[in-house]
PDB file of N, CA and C in Angstrom:
ATOM      1  N   MET A   1     -37.126  35.791  15.739  1.00  0.00           N
ATOM      2  CA  MET A   1     -37.478  35.459  17.356  1.00  0.00           C
ATOM      3  C   MET A   1     -36.693  35.411  17.646  1.00  0.00           C
ATOM      4  N   ILE A   2     -36.262  35.888  19.116  1.00  0.00           N
ATOM      5  CA  ILE A   2     -35.320  36.522  19.715  1.00  0.00           C
ATOM      6  C   ILE A   2     -35.181  34.770  20.813  1.00  0.00           C
ATOM      7  N   VAL A   3     -33.935  34.319  21.008  1.00  0.00           N
ATOM      8  CA  VAL A   3     -33.871  33.335  21.594  1.00  0.00           C
ATOM      9  C   VAL A   3     -33.266  33.095  22.860  1.00  0.00           C
ATOM     10  N   GLY A   4     -32.642  34.462  23.069  1.00  0.00           N
ATOM     11  CA  GLY A   4     -32.108  34.723  24.327  1.00  0.00           C
ATOM     12  C   GLY A   4     -31.454  35.850  24.576  1.00  0.00           C
ATOM     13  N   ILE A   5     -31.184  36.864  25.381  1.00  0.00           N
ATOM     14  CA  ILE A   5     -30.129  37.806  25.347  1.00  0.00           C
ATOM     15  C   ILE A   5     -29.153  37.661  26.730  1.00  0.00           C
ATOM     16  N   GLY A   6     -27.688  37.558  26.332  1.00  0.00           N
ATOM     17  CA  GLY A   6     -26.965  37.799  27.884  1.00  0.00           C
ATOM     18  C   GLY A   6     -26.160  39.382  27.416  1.00  0.00           C
ATOM     19  N   VAL A   7     -26.106  39.683  28.984  1.00  0.00           N
ATOM     20  CA  VAL A   7     -25.338  40.871  28.967  1.00  0.00           C
ATOM     21  C   VAL A   7     -23.673  40.911  30.409  1.00  0.00           C
ATOM     22  N   ASP A   8     -22.866  41.261  29.870  1.00  0.00           N
ATOM     23  CA  ASP A   8     -22.082  40.846  30.764  1.00  0.00           C
ATOM     24  C   ASP A   8     -20.772  42.012  30.848  1.00  0.00           C
ATOM     25  N   VAL A   9     -20.616  42.739  32.490  1.00  0.00           N
ATOM     26  CA  VAL A   9     -19.590  43.825  32.771  1.00  0.00           C
ATOM     27  C   VAL A   9     -18.444  43.305  33.584  1.00  0.00           C
ATOM     28  N   VAL A  10     -17.671  43.737  32.539  1.00  0.00           N
ATOM     29  CA  VAL A  10     -16.201  43.511  33.928  1.00  0.00           C
ATOM     30  C   VAL A  10     -15.316  44.757  33.420  1.00  0.00           C
ATOM     31  N   ASP A  11     -14.564  44.566  35.009  1.00  0.00           N
ATOM     32  CA  ASP A  11     -13.996  45.480  35.245  1.00  0.00           C
ATOM     33  C   ASP A  11     -12.495  45.520  34.744  1.00  0.00           C
ATOM     34  N   VAL A  12     -12.271  46.377  33.793  1.00  0.00           N
ATOM     35  CA  VAL A  12     -10.535  46.035  33.377  1.00  0.00           C
ATOM     36  C   VAL A  12      -9.338  45.872  33.713  1.00  0.00           C
ATOM     37  N   ALA A  13      -9.115  47.083  35.015  1.00  0.00           N
ATOM     38  CA  ALA A  13      -7.899  47.312  36.102  1.00  0.00           C
ATOM     39  C   ALA A  13      -7.898  45.445  36.841  1.00  0.00           C
ATOM     40  N   ARG A  14      -9.420  45.099  36.882  1.00  0.00           N
ATOM     41  CA  ARG A  14      -9.216  43.914  38.268  1.00  0.00           C
ATOM     42  C   ARG A  14      -8.724  42.575  37.045  1.00  0.00           C
ATOM     43  N   PHE A  15      -9.596  42.622  35.486  1.00  0.00           N
ATOM     44  CA  PHE A  15      -9.211  41.959  34.793  1.00  0.00           C
ATOM     45  C   PHE A  15      -7.765  41.835  34.307  1.00  0.00           C
ATOM     46  N   GLU A  16      -6.857  42.856  34.144  1.00  0.00           N
ATOM     47  CA  GLU A  16      -5.712  42.569  33.460  1.00  0.00           C
ATOM     48  C   GLU A  16      -5.011  42.733  34.648  1.00  0.00           C
ATOM     49  N   LYS A  17      -5.082  42.970  35.924  1.00  0.00           N
ATOM     50  CA  LYS A  17      -4.833  41.768  37.005  1.00  0.00           C
ATOM     51  C   LYS A  17      -4.511  40.338  37.023  1.00  0.00           C
ATOM     52  N   THR A  18      -5.701  39.918  36.643  1.00  0.00           N
ATOM     53  CA  THR A  18      -5.925  38.670  36.385  1.00  0.00           C
ATOM     54  C   THR A  18      -5.245  37.979  35.601  1.00  0.00           C
ATOM     55  N   LEU A  19      -4.963  38.764  34.509  1.00  0.00           N
ATOM     56  CA  LEU A  19      -4.300  38.094  32.945  1.00  0.00           C
ATOM     57  C   LEU A  19      -3.086  38.136  33.727  1.00  0.00           C
ATOM     58  N   GLU A  20      -2.337  38.980  34.421  1.00  0.00           N
ATOM     59  CA  GLU A  20      -0.582  39.101  34.443  1.00  0.00           C
ATOM     60  C   GLU A  20      -0.491  38.170  35.846  1.00  0.00           C
ATOM     61  N   ARG A  21      -1.895  37.724  36.795  1.00  0.00           N
ATOM     62  CA  ARG A  21      -1.549  36.618  38.073  1.00  0.00           C
ATOM     63  C   ARG A  21      -1.590  35.365  37.309  1.00  0.00           C
ATOM     64  N   SER A  22      -2.722  35.224  36.497  1.00  0.00           N
ATOM     65  CA  SER A  22      -2.316  34.238  36.103  1.00  0.00           C
ATOM     66  C   SER A  22      -2.120  33.715  33.880  1.00  0.00           C
ATOM     67  N   PRO A  23      -0.658  33.514  33.866  1.00  0.00           N
ATOM     68  CA  PRO A  23      -0.105  33.882  32.664  1.00  0.00           C
ATOM     69  C   PRO A  23      -1.135  32.994  31.395  1.00  0.00           C
ATOM     70  N   GLY A  24      -0.935  31.860  31.878  1.00  0.00           N
ATOM     71  CA  GLY A  24      -1.838  30.728  30.870  1.00  0.00           C
ATOM     72  C   GLY A  24      -3.220  31.091  30.518  1.00  0.00           C
ATOM     73  N   LEU A  25      -3.946  32.085  31.509  1.00  0.00           N
ATOM     74  CA  LEU A  25      -5.083  31.902  31.407  1.00  0.00           C
ATOM     75  C   LEU A  25      -5.590  33.016  29.807  1.00  0.00           C
ATOM     76  N   ARG A  26      -4.897  33.786  29.354  1.00  0.00           N
ATOM     77  CA  ARG A  26      -5.139  34.851  28.386  1.00  0.00           C
ATOM     78  C   ARG A  26      -5.148  33.046  26.921  1.00  0.00           C
ATOM     79  N   ALA A  27      -4.760  32.389  27.109  1.00  0.00           N
ATOM     80  CA  ALA A  27      -4.825  31.115  26.031  1.00  0.00           C
ATOM     81  C   ALA A  27      -5.643  30.102  26.170  1.00  0.00           C
ATOM     82  N   ARG A  28      -6.123  30.052  27.470  1.00  0.00           N
ATOM     83  CA  ARG A  28      -7.861  29.108  27.716  1.00  0.00           C
ATOM     84  C   ARG A  28      -8.325  29.857  27.657  1.00  0.00           C
ATOM     85  N   LEU A  29      -8.789  31.569  27.501  1.00  0.00           N
ATOM     86  CA  LEU A  29     -10.179  32.348  27.453  1.00  0.00           C
ATOM     87  C   LEU A  29      -9.625  33.091  25.774  1.00  0.00           C
ATOM     88  N   PHE A  30      -8.894  33.308  24.807  1.00  0.00           N
ATOM     89  CA  PHE A  30      -9.048  33.603  23.883  1.00  0.00           C
ATOM     90  C   PHE A  30      -8.456  32.756  22.852  1.00  0.00           C
ATOM     91  N   THR A  31      -8.707  32.986  21.477  1.00  0.00           N
ATOM     92  CA  THR A  31      -8.253  32.365  20.292  1.00  0.00           C
ATOM     93  C   THR A  31      -7.302  33.355  20.065  1.00  0.00           C
ATOM     94  N   GLU A  32      -6.179  32.695  19.365  1.00  0.00           N
ATOM     95  CA  GLU A  32      -5.146  33.053  18.529  1.00  0.00           C
ATOM     96  C   GLU A  32      -5.445  34.494  18.433  1.00  0.00           C
ATOM     97  N   GLY A  33      -6.583  34.929  17.480  1.00  0.00           N
ATOM     98  CA  GLY A  33      -6.130  36.296  16.764  1.00  0.00           C
ATOM     99  C   GLY A  33      -6.743  37.024  18.225  1.00  0.00           C
ATOM    100  N   GLU A  34      -7.668  36.758  19.359  1.00  0.00           N
ATOM    101  CA  GLU A  34      -7.905  37.730  20.020  1.00  0.00           C
ATOM    102  C   GLU A  34      -7.039  37.687  20.835  1.00  0.00           C
ATOM    103  N   ARG A  35      -5.626  36.437  21.339  1.00  0.00           N
ATOM    104  CA  ARG A  35      -4.998  37.271  22.229  1.00  0.00           C
ATOM    105  C   ARG A  35      -3.789  38.086  21.956  1.00  0.00           C
ATOM    106  N   ILE A  36      -3.859  39.042  20.800  1.00  0.00           N
ATOM    107  CA  ILE A  36      -2.925  39.953  20.849  1.00  0.00           C
ATOM    108  C   ILE A  36      -3.365  41.334  21.028  1.00  0.00           C
ATOM    109  N   LEU A  37      -4.737  41.702  21.294  1.00  0.00           N
ATOM    110  CA  LEU A  37      -5.910  42.657  21.428  1.00  0.00           C
ATOM    111  C   LEU A  37      -5.055  43.342  22.466  1.00  0.00           C
ATOM    112  N   ALA A  38      -5.548  44.803  23.166  1.00  0.00           N
ATOM    113  CA  ALA A  38      -5.196  45.340  24.442  1.00  0.00           C
ATOM    114  C   ALA A  38      -5.755  44.984  24.748  1.00  0.00           C
ATOM    115  N   VAL A  39      -5.559  45.095  26.517  1.00  0.00           N
ATOM    116  CA  VAL A  39      -6.238  44.266  27.477  1.00  0.00           C
ATOM    117  C   VAL A  39      -7.724  45.244  27.644  1.00  0.00           C
ATOM    118  N   GLN A  40      -7.808  45.943  27.161  1.00  0.00           N
ATOM    119  CA  GLN A  40      -9.438  46.905  27.255  1.00  0.00           C
ATOM    120  C   GLN A  40     -10.764  45.670  26.229  1.00  0.00           C
ATOM    121  N   SER A  41     -10.292  45.749  24.987  1.00  0.00           N
ATOM    122  CA  SER A  41     -10.859  44.811  24.532  1.00  0.00           C
ATOM    123  C   SER A  41     -10.650  43.488  24.586  1.00  0.00           C
ATOM    124  N   LEU A  42      -9.450  42.977  25.136  1.00  0.00           N
ATOM    125  CA  LEU A  42      -9.240  41.510  26.374  1.00  0.00           C
ATOM    126  C   LEU A  42     -11.376  41.537  26.538  1.00  0.00           C
ATOM    127  N   ALA A  43     -11.150  42.545  27.674  1.00  0.00           N
ATOM    128  CA  ALA A  43     -12.134  42.720  28.521  1.00  0.00           C
ATOM    129  C   ALA A  43     -12.855  42.709  27.915  1.00  0.00           C
ATOM    130  N   ALA A  44     -13.618  43.215  27.090  1.00  0.00           N
ATOM    131  CA  ALA A  44     -15.304  43.067  26.255  1.00  0.00           C
ATOM    132  C   ALA A  44     -14.883  42.331  25.530  1.00  0.00           C
ATOM    133  N   ARG A  45     -14.328  41.196  24.935  1.00  0.00           N
ATOM    134  CA  ARG A  45     -14.744  40.219  24.375  1.00  0.00           C
ATOM    135  C   ARG A  45     -14.711  38.521  25.340  1.00  0.00           C
ATOM    136  N   PHE A  46     -14.211  39.133  26.585  1.00  0.00           N
ATOM    137  CA  PHE A  46     -14.421  37.930  27.995  1.00  0.00           C
ATOM    138  C   PHE A  46     -15.685  38.399  27.893  1.00  0.00           C
ATOM    139  N   ALA A  47     -16.245  39.790  28.362  1.00  0.00           N
ATOM    140  CA  ALA A  47     -18.018  39.786  28.297  1.00  0.00           C
ATOM    141  C   ALA A  47     -18.467  39.619  27.385  1.00  0.00           C
ATOM    142  N   ALA A  48     -18.404  38.864  26.577  1.00  0.00           N
ATOM    143  CA  ALA A  48     -19.265  38.845  25.242  1.00  0.00           C
ATOM    144  C   ALA A  48     -19.460  37.709  25.187  1.00  0.00           C
ATOM    145  N   LYS A  49     -17.792  36.708  25.813  1.00  0.00           N
ATOM    146  CA  LYS A  49     -18.131  35.594  25.715  1.00  0.00           C
ATOM    147  C   LYS A  49     -19.224  34.766  27.247  1.00  0.00           C
ATOM    148  N   GLU A  50     -19.112  35.621  28.096  1.00  0.00           N
ATOM    149  CA  GLU A  50     -20.111  35.069  29.325  1.00  0.00           C
ATOM    150  C   GLU A  50     -21.183  35.347  28.469  1.00  0.00           C
ATOM    151  N   ALA A  51     -21.580  36.802  28.005  1.00  0.00           N
ATOM    152  CA  ALA A  51     -22.561  37.470  27.521  1.00  0.00           C
ATOM    153  C   ALA A  51     -23.707  36.131  26.642  1.00  0.00           C
ATOM    154  N   VAL A  52     -22.568  35.262  25.904  1.00  0.00           N
ATOM    155  CA  VAL A  52     -22.982  34.231  24.836  1.00  0.00           C
ATOM    156  C   VAL A  52     -23.543  33.164  26.148  1.00  0.00           C
ATOM    157  N   ALA A  53     -22.890  32.807  26.534  1.00  0.00           N
ATOM    158  CA  ALA A  53     -23.390  31.593  27.598  1.00  0.00           C
ATOM    159  C   ALA A  53     -24.819  32.090  28.417  1.00  0.00           C
ATOM    160  N   LYS A  54     -24.688  33.356  29.012  1.00  0.00           N
ATOM    161  CA  LYS A  54     -26.274  33.902  29.222  1.00  0.00           C
ATOM    162  C   LYS A  54     -27.114  33.513  28.255  1.00  0.00           C
ATOM    163  N   ALA A  55     -27.118  34.309  26.978  1.00  0.00           N
ATOM    164  CA  ALA A  55     -28.141  33.882  26.274  1.00  0.00           C
ATOM    165  C   ALA A  55     -28.410  32.740  25.876  1.00  0.00           C
ATOM    166  N   LEU A  56     -27.654  31.621  25.835  1.00  0.00           N
ATOM    167  CA  LEU A  56     -27.955  30.230  25.604  1.00  0.00           C
ATOM    168  C   LEU A  56     -28.014  29.448  26.441  1.00  0.00           C
ATOM    169  N   GLY A  57     -28.602  30.083  28.068  1.00  0.00           N
ATOM    170  CA  GLY A  57     -29.204  29.718  29.088  1.00  0.00           C
ATOM    171  C   GLY A  57     -27.949  29.059  29.787  1.00  0.00           C
ATOM    172  N   ALA A  58     -26.868  29.219  29.408  1.00  0.00           N
ATOM    173  CA  ALA A  58     -25.876  29.014  30.563  1.00  0.00           C
ATOM    174  C   ALA A  58     -25.669  27.256  30.990  1.00  0.00           C
ATOM    175  N   PRO A  59     -25.439  26.567  30.088  1.00  0.00           N
ATOM    176  CA  PRO A  59     -26.046  25.217  29.706  1.00  0.00           C
ATOM    177  C   PRO A  59     -24.389  24.570  30.288  1.00  0.00           C
ATOM    178  N   PRO A  60     -23.842  23.801  30.438  1.00  0.00           N
ATOM    179  CA  PRO A  60     -22.422  22.581  30.644  1.00  0.00           C
ATOM    180  C   PRO A  60     -21.510  22.330  29.387  1.00  0.00           C
ATOM    181  N   GLY A  61     -20.826  22.678  29.949  1.00  0.00           N
ATOM    182  CA  GLY A  61     -19.955  22.232  28.308  1.00  0.00           C
ATOM    183  C   GLY A  61     -19.269  22.834  27.835  1.00  0.00           C
ATOM    184  N   LEU A  62     -19.559  24.629  27.991  1.00  0.00           N
ATOM    185  CA  LEU A  62     -19.416  25.598  26.897  1.00  0.00           C
ATOM    186  C   LEU A  62     -18.105  25.714  27.123  1.00  0.00           C
ATOM    187  N   ALA A  63     -17.502  26.048  26.122  1.00  0.00           N
ATOM    188  CA  ALA A  63     -15.559  26.739  26.173  1.00  0.00           C
ATOM    189  C   ALA A  63     -15.565  28.182  25.667  1.00  0.00           C
ATOM    190  N   HIS A  64     -14.556  29.177  26.418  1.00  0.00           N
ATOM    191  CA  HIS A  64     -14.350  30.056  26.326  1.00  0.00           C
ATOM    192  C   HIS A  64     -14.142  30.295  24.584  1.00  0.00           C
ATOM    193  N   LEU A  65     -13.255  29.369  24.492  1.00  0.00           N
ATOM    194  CA  LEU A  65     -12.971  29.192  23.130  1.00  0.00           C
ATOM    195  C   LEU A  65     -13.868  29.127  21.597  1.00  0.00           C
ATOM    196  N   ASP A  66     -14.527  28.870  22.081  1.00  0.00           N
ATOM    197  CA  ASP A  66     -15.900  28.365  21.496  1.00  0.00           C
ATOM    198  C   ASP A  66     -16.381  29.241  20.815  1.00  0.00           C
ATOM    199  N   ALA A  67     -16.072  30.700  21.268  1.00  0.00           N
ATOM    200  CA  ALA A  67     -16.574  32.248  21.249  1.00  0.00           C
ATOM    201  C   ALA A  67     -15.914  32.992  20.721  1.00  0.00           C
ATOM    202  N   GLU A  68     -16.004  33.451  19.694  1.00  0.00           N
ATOM    203  CA  GLU A  68     -14.697  34.971  19.030  1.00  0.00           C
ATOM    204  C   GLU A  68     -15.189  35.981  18.596  1.00  0.00           C
ATOM    205  N   VAL A  69     -14.536  36.605  19.343  1.00  0.00           N
ATOM    206  CA  VAL A  69     -15.211  38.022  18.230  1.00  0.00           C
ATOM    207  C   VAL A  69     -13.805  38.328  17.093  1.00  0.00           C
ATOM    208  N   ARG A  70     -14.883  38.569  16.069  1.00  0.00           N
ATOM    209  CA  ARG A  70     -13.930  39.232  15.476  1.00  0.00           C
ATOM    210  C   ARG A  70     -14.800  40.565  14.638  1.00  0.00           C
ATOM    211  N   THR A  71     -13.437  41.560  14.466  1.00  0.00           N
ATOM    212  CA  THR A  71     -13.581  43.084  14.029  1.00  0.00           C
ATOM    213  C   THR A  71     -14.118  42.787  12.332  1.00  0.00           C
ATOM    214  N   GLY A  72     -15.757  43.189  11.909  1.00  0.00           N
ATOM    215  CA  GLY A  72     -16.047  43.144  10.422  1.00  0.00           C
ATOM    216  C   GLY A  72     -15.800  44.280  10.110  1.00  0.00           C
ATOM    217  N   GLU A  73     -16.968  44.174   8.873  1.00  0.00           N
ATOM    218  CA  GLU A  73     -16.889  45.540   8.280  1.00  0.00           C
ATOM    219  C   GLU A  73     -16.969  46.938   9.358  1.00  0.00           C
ATOM    220  N   TYR A  74     -16.404  47.421   8.809  1.00  0.00           N
ATOM    221  CA  TYR A  74     -16.567  49.000   9.697  1.00  0.00           C
ATOM    222  C   TYR A  74     -16.477  48.738  11.182  1.00  0.00           C
ATOM    223  N   GLY A  75     -15.408  47.746  11.236  1.00  0.00           N
ATOM    224  CA  GLY A  75     -14.941  47.636  13.252  1.00  0.00           C
ATOM    225  C   GLY A  75     -15.889  47.203  13.430  1.00  0.00           C
ATOM    226  N   ARG A  76     -17.221  46.530  12.678  1.00  0.00           N
ATOM    227  CA  ARG A  76     -18.171  46.463  13.754  1.00  0.00           C
ATOM    228  C   ARG A  76     -17.677  44.601  14.430  1.00  0.00           C
ATOM    229  N   PRO A  77     -18.270  44.429  15.576  1.00  0.00           N
ATOM    230  CA  PRO A  77     -17.786  43.088  16.261  1.00  0.00           C
ATOM    231  C   PRO A  77     -18.740  41.797  15.900  1.00  0.00           C
ATOM    232  N   GLU A  78     -18.133  40.515  15.320  1.00  0.00           N
ATOM    233  CA  GLU A  78     -18.884  39.749  14.517  1.00  0.00           C
ATOM    234  C   GLU A  78     -18.550  38.592  15.730  1.00  0.00           C
ATOM    235  N   LEU A  79     -19.783  37.864  16.029  1.00  0.00           N
ATOM    236  CA  LEU A  79     -19.448  36.335  16.681  1.00  0.00           C
ATOM    237  C   LEU A  79     -19.396  35.447  15.751  1.00  0.00           C
ATOM    238  N   HIS A  80     -18.191  34.804  16.420  1.00  0.00           N
ATOM    239  CA  HIS A  80     -18.263  33.336  15.829  1.00  0.00           C
ATOM    240  C   HIS A  80     -18.634  31.998  16.233  1.00  0.00           C
ATOM    241  N   VAL A  81     -19.241  31.201  15.702  1.00  0.00           N
ATOM    242  CA  VAL A  81     -19.145  30.213  17.282  1.00  0.00           C
ATOM    243  C   VAL A  81     -18.834  28.561  17.028  1.00  0.00           C
ATOM    244  N   SER A  82     -18.372  28.041  17.666  1.00  0.00           N
ATOM    245  CA  SER A  82     -17.555  26.382  16.961  1.00  0.00           C
ATOM    246  C   SER A  82     -17.893  25.671  18.552  1.00  0.00           C
ATOM    247  N   GLY A  83     -17.924  24.641  18.317  1.00  0.00           N
ATOM    248  CA  GLY A  83     -17.986  23.569  19.149  1.00  0.00           C
ATOM    249  C   GLY A  83     -19.014  23.202  20.171  1.00  0.00           C
ATOM    250  N   ARG A  84     -19.022  23.313  21.437  1.00  0.00           N
ATOM    251  CA  ARG A  84     -20.011  23.026  22.163  1.00  0.00           C
ATOM    252  C   ARG A  84     -21.508  24.218  22.268  1.00  0.00           C
ATOM    253  N   VAL A  85     -20.463  25.518  21.733  1.00  0.00           N
ATOM    254  CA  VAL A  85     -21.302  26.799  21.844  1.00  0.00           C
ATOM    255  C   VAL A  85     -22.284  26.224  20.225  1.00  0.00           C
ATOM    256  N   ALA A  86     -21.726  26.256  19.307  1.00  0.00           N
ATOM    257  CA  ALA A  86     -22.385  26.132  18.012  1.00  0.00           C
ATOM    258  C   ALA A  86     -23.360  25.164  17.563  1.00  0.00           C
ATOM    259  N   GLU A  87     -22.950  23.941  19.031  1.00  0.00           N
ATOM    260  CA  GLU A  87     -24.127  23.247  19.330  1.00  0.00           C
ATOM    261  C   GLU A  87     -25.152  23.343  20.007  1.00  0.00           C
ATOM    262  N   VAL A  88     -25.114  23.923  20.993  1.00  0.00           N
ATOM    263  CA  VAL A  88     -26.128  24.186  21.608  1.00  0.00           C
ATOM    264  C   VAL A  88     -26.807  25.005  20.799  1.00  0.00           C
ATOM    265  N   ALA A  89     -26.221  26.189  20.003  1.00  0.00           N
ATOM    266  CA  ALA A  89     -27.502  27.413  19.592  1.00  0.00           C
ATOM    267  C   ALA A  89     -28.116  26.458  18.633  1.00  0.00           C
ATOM    268  N   ALA A  90     -27.254  25.618  17.671  1.00  0.00           N
ATOM    269  CA  ALA A  90     -28.099  25.053  16.954  1.00  0.00           C
ATOM    270  C   ALA A  90     -29.194  24.000  17.084  1.00  0.00           C
ATOM    271  N   ALA A  91     -29.027  23.300  18.311  1.00  0.00           N
ATOM    272  CA  ALA A  91     -30.035  22.874  19.318  1.00  0.00           C
ATOM    273  C   ALA A  91     -31.706  23.809  19.757  1.00  0.00           C
ATOM    274  N   LEU A  92     -30.779  25.260  19.686  1.00  0.00           N
ATOM    275  CA  LEU A  92     -32.077  25.933  20.021  1.00  0.00           C
ATOM    276  C   LEU A  92     -32.534  27.197  18.770  1.00  0.00           C
ATOM    277  N   GLY A  93     -31.973  26.250  18.407  1.00  0.00           N
ATOM    278  CA  GLY A  93     -32.515  27.281  16.784  1.00  0.00           C
ATOM    279  C   GLY A  93     -31.818  28.709  16.334  1.00  0.00           C
ATOM    280  N   VAL A  94     -30.729  29.014  17.196  1.00  0.00           N
ATOM    281  CA  VAL A  94     -29.749  30.245  16.751  1.00  0.00           C
ATOM    282  C   VAL A  94     -29.143  29.870  15.770  1.00  0.00           C
ATOM    283  N   THR A  95     -29.377  31.087  14.420  1.00  0.00           N
ATOM    284  CA  THR A  95     -29.610  31.237  13.208  1.00  0.00           C
ATOM    285  C   THR A  95     -28.586  32.521  12.847  1.00  0.00           C
ATOM    286  N   ARG A  96     -28.811  33.523  13.965  1.00  0.00           N
ATOM    287  CA  ARG A  96     -28.102  34.779  14.061  1.00  0.00           C
ATOM    288  C   ARG A  96     -27.822  34.960  15.162  1.00  0.00           C
ATOM    289  N   TRP A  97     -26.505  36.014  15.608  1.00  0.00           N
ATOM    290  CA  TRP A  97     -26.013  36.334  16.772  1.00  0.00           C
ATOM    291  C   TRP A  97     -25.872  38.124  16.253  1.00  0.00           C
ATOM    292  N   HIS A  98     -26.097  38.880  17.397  1.00  0.00           N
ATOM    293  CA  HIS A  98     -25.720  39.856  17.287  1.00  0.00           C
ATOM    294  C   HIS A  98     -24.936  40.673  18.721  1.00  0.00           C
ATOM    295  N   VAL A  99     -23.972  41.154  18.988  1.00  0.00           N
ATOM    296  CA  VAL A  99     -23.351  41.743  19.299  1.00  0.00           C
ATOM    297  C   VAL A  99     -22.215  42.550  19.382  1.00  0.00           C
ATOM    298  N   SER A 100     -22.705  43.847  21.062  1.00  0.00           N
ATOM    299  CA  SER A 100     -22.214  45.117  20.780  1.00  0.00           C
ATOM    300  C   SER A 100     -21.385  45.109  22.182  1.00  0.00           C
ATOM    301  N   LEU A 101     -20.395  45.311  21.852  1.00  0.00           N
ATOM    302  CA  LEU A 101     -19.468  45.457  22.729  1.00  0.00           C
ATOM    303  C   LEU A 101     -18.816  47.234  22.780  1.00  0.00           C
ATOM    304  N   THR A 102     -18.593  47.532  24.134  1.00  0.00           N
ATOM    305  CA  THR A 102     -17.987  49.071  24.966  1.00  0.00           C
ATOM    306  C   THR A 102     -17.208  49.009  25.552  1.00  0.00           C
ATOM    307  N   HIS A 103     -15.757  50.021  26.173  1.00  0.00           N
ATOM    308  CA  HIS A 103     -15.769  49.496  27.446  1.00  0.00           C
ATOM    309  C   HIS A 103     -14.789  51.211  27.541  1.00  0.00           C
ATOM    310  N   ASP A 104     -15.407  52.094  29.034  1.00  0.00           N
ATOM    311  CA  ASP A 104     -14.970  52.985  28.562  1.00  0.00           C
ATOM    312  C   ASP A 104     -15.602  53.109  30.466  1.00  0.00           C
ATOM    313  N   GLY A 105     -14.572  54.108  31.495  1.00  0.00           N
ATOM    314  CA  GLY A 105     -15.082  54.824  32.440  1.00  0.00           C
ATOM    315  C   GLY A 105     -14.377  53.458  33.842  1.00  0.00           C
ATOM    316  N   GLY A 106     -12.983  52.670  32.676  1.00  0.00           N
ATOM    317  CA  GLY A 106     -12.874  51.384  33.671  1.00  0.00           C
ATOM    318  C   GLY A 106     -13.530  50.002  33.391  1.00  0.00           C
ATOM    319  N   VAL A 107     -14.634  50.178  32.789  1.00  0.00           N
ATOM    320  CA  VAL A 107     -15.229  48.510  33.026  1.00  0.00           C
ATOM    321  C   VAL A 107     -15.546  48.653  31.109  1.00  0.00           C
ATOM    322  N   ALA A 108     -15.890  47.329  30.935  1.00  0.00           N
ATOM    323  CA  ALA A 108     -15.924  46.559  29.339  1.00  0.00           C
ATOM    324  C   ALA A 108     -17.481  46.183  29.623  1.00  0.00           C
ATOM    325  N   VAL A 109     -17.758  46.094  28.532  1.00  0.00           N
ATOM    326  CA  VAL A 109     -19.404  45.595  29.299  1.00  0.00           C
ATOM    327  C   VAL A 109     -19.771  45.120  26.766  1.00  0.00           C
ATOM    328  N   ALA A 110     -20.591  43.850  27.210  1.00  0.00           N
ATOM    329  CA  ALA A 110     -20.800  42.986  26.008  1.00  0.00           C
ATOM    330  C   ALA A 110     -22.734  42.744  26.278  1.00  0.00           C
ATOM    331  N   TYR A 111     -23.133  42.967  25.105  1.00  0.00           N
ATOM    332  CA  TYR A 111     -24.174  42.530  25.110  1.00  0.00           C
ATOM    333  C   TYR A 111     -24.524  41.624  23.685  1.00  0.00           C
ATOM    334  N   VAL A 112     -25.271  40.363  24.069  1.00  0.00           N
ATOM    335  CA  VAL A 112     -25.013  39.892  23.056  1.00  0.00           C
ATOM    336  C   VAL A 112     -27.225  39.141  22.814  1.00  0.00           C
ATOM    337  N   ILE A 113     -26.945  39.008  21.499  1.00  0.00           N
ATOM    338  CA  ILE A 113     -28.208  38.761  21.473  1.00  0.00           C
ATOM    339  C   ILE A 113     -28.832  37.466  20.570  1.00  0.00           C
ATOM    340  N   ALA A 114     -29.007  36.343  20.622  1.00  0.00           N
ATOM    341  CA  ALA A 114     -29.051  34.872  19.836  1.00  0.00           C
ATOM    342  C   ALA A 114     -30.529  35.710  19.048  1.00  0.00           C
ATOM    343  N   GLU A 115     -30.786  34.980  17.703  1.00  0.00           N
ATOM    344  CA  GLU A 115     -31.810  35.430  17.263  1.00  0.00           C
ATOM    345  C   GLU A 115     -31.553  33.965  16.200  1.00  0.00           C
ATOM    346  N   GLY A 116     -33.378  33.567  16.407  1.00  0.00           N
ATOM    347  CA  GLY A 116     -33.651  32.212  15.305  1.00  0.00           C
ATOM    348  C   GLY A 116     -34.468  32.224  14.267  1.00  0.00           C
TER     349      GLY A 116
END
C-alpha cells in the first residue's frame, strides 16, 4: 500500500549559489557521506529530502540530516532514514522507500514513494 508520494524540483545553479553564499548550509543539509558529491548530485539529494517530507505529509520537526540518499548496487539510489523522519515513517506504517533522482537541463528532480 502506498502511504505517501513526494516530488521536488531544484534549480541547480540557484542551489549552487545558495551553497556558496551560506558555507555552513552543506553541513546542515547533508550527511558526511553526501557532502563530497558534485553540486548536481547534492541538488538531487536535497530534492529527495524535500520529497520525503512531502511523502510523510510534512509534519513538524523533520531534519534534512534524518534522510540520506546512498548509492546502492548498480548505482541505484537508496533512502536511509533516522531520527524524526524514521519515527514519523514508523507511525504511518512505512516499511519501504522508493526513490528516483535525475538532473538534466539545469534542474534536479527527486521522486519518493513511501510504501507500507
